[in-house]
C-alpha atoms as a PDB file:
ATOM      1  CA  MET A   1      66.147  17.965 -15.896  1.00  0.00           C
ATOM      2  CA  SER A   2      67.329  15.563 -18.570  1.00  0.00           C
ATOM      3  CA  THR A   3      65.555  15.421 -21.935  1.00  0.00           C
ATOM      4  CA  VAL A   4      67.066  12.058 -22.932  1.00  0.00           C
ATOM      5  CA  GLN A   5      64.336   9.516 -23.559  1.00  0.00           C
ATOM      6  CA  VAL A   6      64.669   6.010 -22.229  1.00  0.00           C
ATOM      7  CA  CYS A   7      62.965   2.928 -23.649  1.00  0.00           C
ATOM      8  CA  PRO A   8      60.442   1.661 -21.046  1.00  0.00           C
ATOM      9  CA  TRP A   9      60.899  -1.950 -22.187  1.00  0.00           C
ATOM     10  CA  CYS A  10      64.657  -2.415 -22.238  1.00  0.00           C
ATOM     11  CA  GLY A  11      65.977   0.789 -20.615  1.00  0.00           C
ATOM     12  CA  SER A  12      68.130   1.741 -23.602  1.00  0.00           C
ATOM     13  CA  THR A  13      68.751   5.345 -24.623  1.00  0.00           C
ATOM     14  CA  ASP A  14      69.521   4.454 -28.256  1.00  0.00           C
ATOM     15  CA  LEU A  15      66.397   5.780 -29.948  1.00  0.00           C
ATOM     16  CA  ILE A  16      65.891   6.519 -33.638  1.00  0.00           C
ATOM     17  CA  ARG A  17      63.741   9.499 -34.574  1.00  0.00           C
ATOM     18  CA  THR A  18      61.402   8.739 -37.500  1.00  0.00           C
ATOM     19  CA  VAL A  19      58.689  10.703 -39.277  1.00  0.00           C
ATOM     20  CA  PRO A  20      55.797   8.680 -40.747  1.00  0.00           C
ATOM     21  CA  GLU A  21      54.865   9.408 -44.364  1.00  0.00           C
ATOM     22  CA  LYS A  22      51.119   9.676 -43.733  1.00  0.00           C
ATOM     23  CA  ASP A  23      51.388  12.000 -40.732  1.00  0.00           C
ATOM     24  CA  PRO A  24      54.552  14.115 -41.040  1.00  0.00           C
ATOM     25  CA  PHE A  25      53.746  16.191 -37.944  1.00  0.00           C
ATOM     26  CA  HIS A  26      53.770  13.180 -35.656  1.00  0.00           C
ATOM     27  CA  VAL A  27      57.333  12.150 -34.742  1.00  0.00           C
ATOM     28  CA  LEU A  28      57.994   8.612 -33.526  1.00  0.00           C
ATOM     29  CA  PHE A  29      60.941   7.309 -31.581  1.00  0.00           C
ATOM     30  CA  ILE A  30      61.953   3.672 -32.126  1.00  0.00           C
ATOM     31  CA  CYS A  31      64.316   1.814 -29.811  1.00  0.00           C
ATOM     32  CA  GLN A  32      67.299   0.293 -31.597  1.00  0.00           C
ATOM     33  CA  ASN A  33      67.584  -2.632 -29.168  1.00  0.00           C
ATOM     34  CA  CYS A  34      64.026  -3.965 -28.915  1.00  0.00           C
ATOM     35  CA  GLN A  35      62.565  -2.294 -32.059  1.00  0.00           C
ATOM     36  CA  LYS A  36      59.496  -0.968 -30.228  1.00  0.00           C
ATOM     37  CA  VAL A  37      57.882   2.436 -30.563  1.00  0.00           C
ATOM     38  CA  VAL A  38      58.520   4.642 -27.556  1.00  0.00           C
ATOM     39  CA  ASN A  39      55.741   7.102 -26.774  1.00  0.00           C
ATOM     40  CA  ASP A  40      56.566  10.542 -25.495  1.00  0.00           C
ATOM     41  CA  GLN A  41      56.109  10.107 -21.780  1.00  0.00           C
ATOM     42  CA  THR A  42      57.044  13.370 -20.153  1.00  0.00           C
ATOM     43  CA  THR A  43      56.830  12.449 -16.499  1.00  0.00           C
ATOM     44  CA  PRO A  44      59.356  10.114 -14.902  1.00  0.00           C
ATOM     45  CA  GLU A  45      56.497   8.527 -12.909  1.00  0.00           C
ATOM     46  CA  ASN A  46      54.886   7.288 -16.137  1.00  0.00           C
ATOM     47  CA  ARG A  47      58.204   5.856 -17.270  1.00  0.00           C
ATOM     48  CA  LYS A  48      58.718   4.154 -13.921  1.00  0.00           C
ATOM     49  CA  ASN A  49      55.170   2.721 -14.001  1.00  0.00           C
ATOM     50  CA  ALA A  50      55.685   1.453 -17.555  1.00  0.00           C
ATOM     51  CA  VAL A  51      58.932  -0.257 -16.589  1.00  0.00           C
ATOM     52  CA  SER A  52      57.347  -1.688 -13.417  1.00  0.00           C
ATOM     53  CA  LYS A  53      54.338  -2.942 -15.365  1.00  0.00           C
ATOM     54  CA  ARG A  54      56.585  -4.603 -17.943  1.00  0.00           C
ATOM     55  CA  THR A  55      58.612  -6.264 -15.180  1.00  0.00           C
ATOM     56  CA  ILE A  56      55.424  -7.559 -13.553  1.00  0.00           C
ATOM     57  CA  GLU A  57      54.236  -8.940 -16.898  1.00  0.00           C
ATOM     58  CA  GLU A  58      57.552 -10.718 -17.500  1.00  0.00           C
ATOM     59  CA  LYS A  59      57.531 -12.224 -14.001  1.00  0.00           C
ATOM     60  CA  ALA A  60      53.913 -13.354 -14.479  1.00  0.00           C
ATOM     61  CA  ILE A  61      54.862 -15.151 -17.707  1.00  0.00           C
ATOM     62  CA  GLN A  62      57.796 -16.847 -15.983  1.00  0.00           C
ATOM     63  CA  LEU A  63      55.583 -17.870 -13.047  1.00  0.00           C
ATOM     64  CA  SER A  64      52.974 -19.332 -15.372  1.00  0.00           C
ATOM     65  CA  MET A  65      55.595 -21.475 -17.083  1.00  0.00           C
ATOM     66  CA  HIS A  66      57.186 -22.713 -13.856  1.00  0.00           C
ATOM     67  CA  SER A  67      54.424 -22.713 -11.245  1.00  0.00           C
ATOM     68  CA  GLY A  68      51.190 -22.594 -13.199  1.00  0.00           C
ATOM     69  CA  LYS A  69      48.631 -20.051 -14.292  1.00  0.00           C
ATOM     70  CA  LEU A  70      47.013 -19.746 -10.857  1.00  0.00           C
ATOM     71  CA  HIS A  71      50.209 -18.457  -9.232  1.00  0.00           C
ATOM     72  CA  ALA A  72      50.820 -16.100 -12.165  1.00  0.00           C
ATOM     73  CA  VAL A  73      47.335 -14.566 -11.902  1.00  0.00           C
ATOM     74  CA  LYS A  74      47.684 -14.160  -8.140  1.00  0.00           C
ATOM     75  CA  TYR A  75      51.084 -12.472  -8.521  1.00  0.00           C
ATOM     76  CA  TYR A  76      49.858 -10.230 -11.357  1.00  0.00           C
ATOM     77  CA  LEU A  77      46.786  -9.158  -9.373  1.00  0.00           C
ATOM     78  CA  THR A  78      48.663  -8.279  -6.176  1.00  0.00           C
ATOM     79  CA  GLU A  79      51.547  -6.504  -7.898  1.00  0.00           C
ATOM     80  CA  MET A  80      49.392  -4.490 -10.299  1.00  0.00           C
ATOM     81  CA  ASN A  81      47.197  -3.319  -7.434  1.00  0.00           C
ATOM     82  CA  LYS A  82      50.330  -2.077  -5.647  1.00  0.00           C
ATOM     83  CA  LEU A  83      51.091   0.306  -8.522  1.00  0.00           C
ATOM     84  CA  PRO A  84      49.644   3.793  -8.112  1.00  0.00           C
ATOM     85  CA  GLY A  85      46.671   4.549 -10.314  1.00  0.00           C
ATOM     86  CA  THR A  86      45.837   0.949 -11.209  1.00  0.00           C
ATOM     87  CA  ASN A  87      43.137  -1.096  -9.585  1.00  0.00           C
ATOM     88  CA  ILE A  88      42.193  -4.290 -11.408  1.00  0.00           C
ATOM     89  CA  GLY A  89      39.932  -7.152 -10.499  1.00  0.00           C
ATOM     90  CA  LEU A  90      40.509 -10.887 -10.552  1.00  0.00           C
ATOM     91  CA  LEU A  91      38.816 -11.443 -13.917  1.00  0.00           C
ATOM     92  CA  GLU A  92      40.844  -8.646 -15.515  1.00  0.00           C
ATOM     93  CA  ALA A  93      44.065 -10.108 -14.104  1.00  0.00           C
ATOM     94  CA  LYS A  94      43.165 -13.567 -15.438  1.00  0.00           C
ATOM     95  CA  GLU A  95      42.393 -12.182 -18.889  1.00  0.00           C
ATOM     96  CA  ALA A  96      45.588 -10.112 -18.899  1.00  0.00           C
ATOM     97  CA  VAL A  97      47.758 -13.105 -17.982  1.00  0.00           C
ATOM     98  CA  GLU A  98      46.071 -15.278 -20.600  1.00  0.00           C
ATOM     99  CA  ALA A  99      46.572 -12.521 -23.183  1.00  0.00           C
ATOM    100  CA  LEU A 100      50.253 -12.236 -22.241  1.00  0.00           C
ATOM    101  CA  ILE A 101      50.718 -15.994 -22.555  1.00  0.00           C
ATOM    102  CA  GLY A 102      48.883 -16.046 -25.880  1.00  0.00           C
ATOM    103  CA  ALA A 103      50.808 -13.074 -27.266  1.00  0.00           C
ATOM    104  CA  ARG A 104      54.117 -14.616 -26.289  1.00  0.00           C
ATOM    105  CA  GLY A 105      53.124 -17.974 -27.795  1.00  0.00           C
ATOM    106  CA  VAL A 106      54.052 -20.031 -24.752  1.00  0.00           C
ATOM    107  CA  ALA A 107      50.634 -21.537 -24.070  1.00  0.00           C
ATOM    108  CA  SER A 108      51.982 -25.062 -24.484  1.00  0.00           C
ATOM    109  CA  ALA A 109      54.818 -24.344 -22.018  1.00  0.00           C
ATOM    110  CA  VAL A 110      52.482 -23.347 -19.184  1.00  0.00           C
ATOM    111  CA  LYS A 111      52.642 -25.849 -16.352  1.00  0.00           C
ATOM    112  CA  GLN A 112      49.400 -27.758 -16.045  1.00  0.00           C
ATOM    113  CA  PRO A 113      47.978 -28.555 -12.593  1.00  0.00           C
ATOM    114  CA  SER A 114      48.882 -31.974 -11.282  1.00  0.00           C
ATOM    115  CA  ARG A 115      46.183 -34.607 -11.043  1.00  0.00           C
ATOM    116  CA  ASN A 116      47.912 -36.694  -8.385  1.00  0.00           C
ATOM    117  CA  GLY A 117      45.447 -35.662  -5.682  1.00  0.00           C
ATOM    118  CA  CYS A 118      42.772 -38.050  -6.952  1.00  0.00           C
ATOM    119  CA  VAL A 119      45.244 -40.922  -7.180  1.00  0.00           C
ATOM    120  CA  ILE A 120      46.475 -40.355  -3.630  1.00  0.00           C
ATOM    121  CA  ALA A 121      42.908 -40.131  -2.309  1.00  0.00           C
ATOM    122  CA  LEU A 122      42.016 -43.357  -4.122  1.00  0.00           C
ATOM    123  CA  ILE A 123      45.037 -45.176  -2.655  1.00  0.00           C
ATOM    124  CA  VAL A 124      44.178 -43.983   0.859  1.00  0.00           C
ATOM    125  CA  LEU A 125      40.567 -45.085   0.401  1.00  0.00           C
ATOM    126  CA  VAL A 126      41.641 -48.541  -0.802  1.00  0.00           C
ATOM    127  CA  LEU A 127      44.002 -48.919   2.179  1.00  0.00           C
ATOM    128  CA  ILE A 128      41.230 -47.969   4.620  1.00  0.00           C
ATOM    129  CA  ILE A 129      38.831 -50.469   3.053  1.00  0.00           C
ATOM    130  CA  ALA A 130      41.517 -53.180   3.052  1.00  0.00           C
ATOM    131  CA  SER A 131      42.360 -52.585   6.723  1.00  0.00           C
ATOM    132  CA  VAL A 132      38.663 -52.656   7.725  1.00  0.00           C
ATOM    133  CA  VAL A 133      38.148 -55.938   5.834  1.00  0.00           C
ATOM    134  CA  TYR A 134      41.299 -57.427   7.380  1.00  0.00           C
ATOM    135  CA  PHE A 135      40.326 -56.535  10.970  1.00  0.00           C
ATOM    136  CA  TYR A 136      36.741 -57.863  10.602  1.00  0.00           C
ATOM    137  CA  THR A 137      37.817 -61.150   9.022  1.00  0.00           C
ATOM    138  CA  HIS A 138      40.579 -61.919  11.567  1.00  0.00           C
ATOM    139  CA  ARG A 139      38.618 -61.516  14.755  1.00  0.00           C
END
């Protein structure tokens, strides 16, 4: 069994071992690539779940920017419930996606829902009224 630690965010094995001044008995590992603290996760299942969760979060952010928040929440909910040991509800998924968007600072880049449905319905309604008026006046 390998004792090499892998960063769950970027997959790099370049970790720096640091000892905090306030708690010298607690050793931290920091990834050189993404500069994040890597916790000591002994089981490969935890590492795999952390990487899977991070991938789901990234895909949810991308979906929210390209397809809208509704699709991102739906994707996040279904994929997180597929992971073993996690069972979240719709409200939790919505809050998690909004927190991810807010933490990343891309709230203004999220695609807003289109409001063309009302315009199309109004045009169809006007055409129906115009055709009814035309047929009653030309009889």
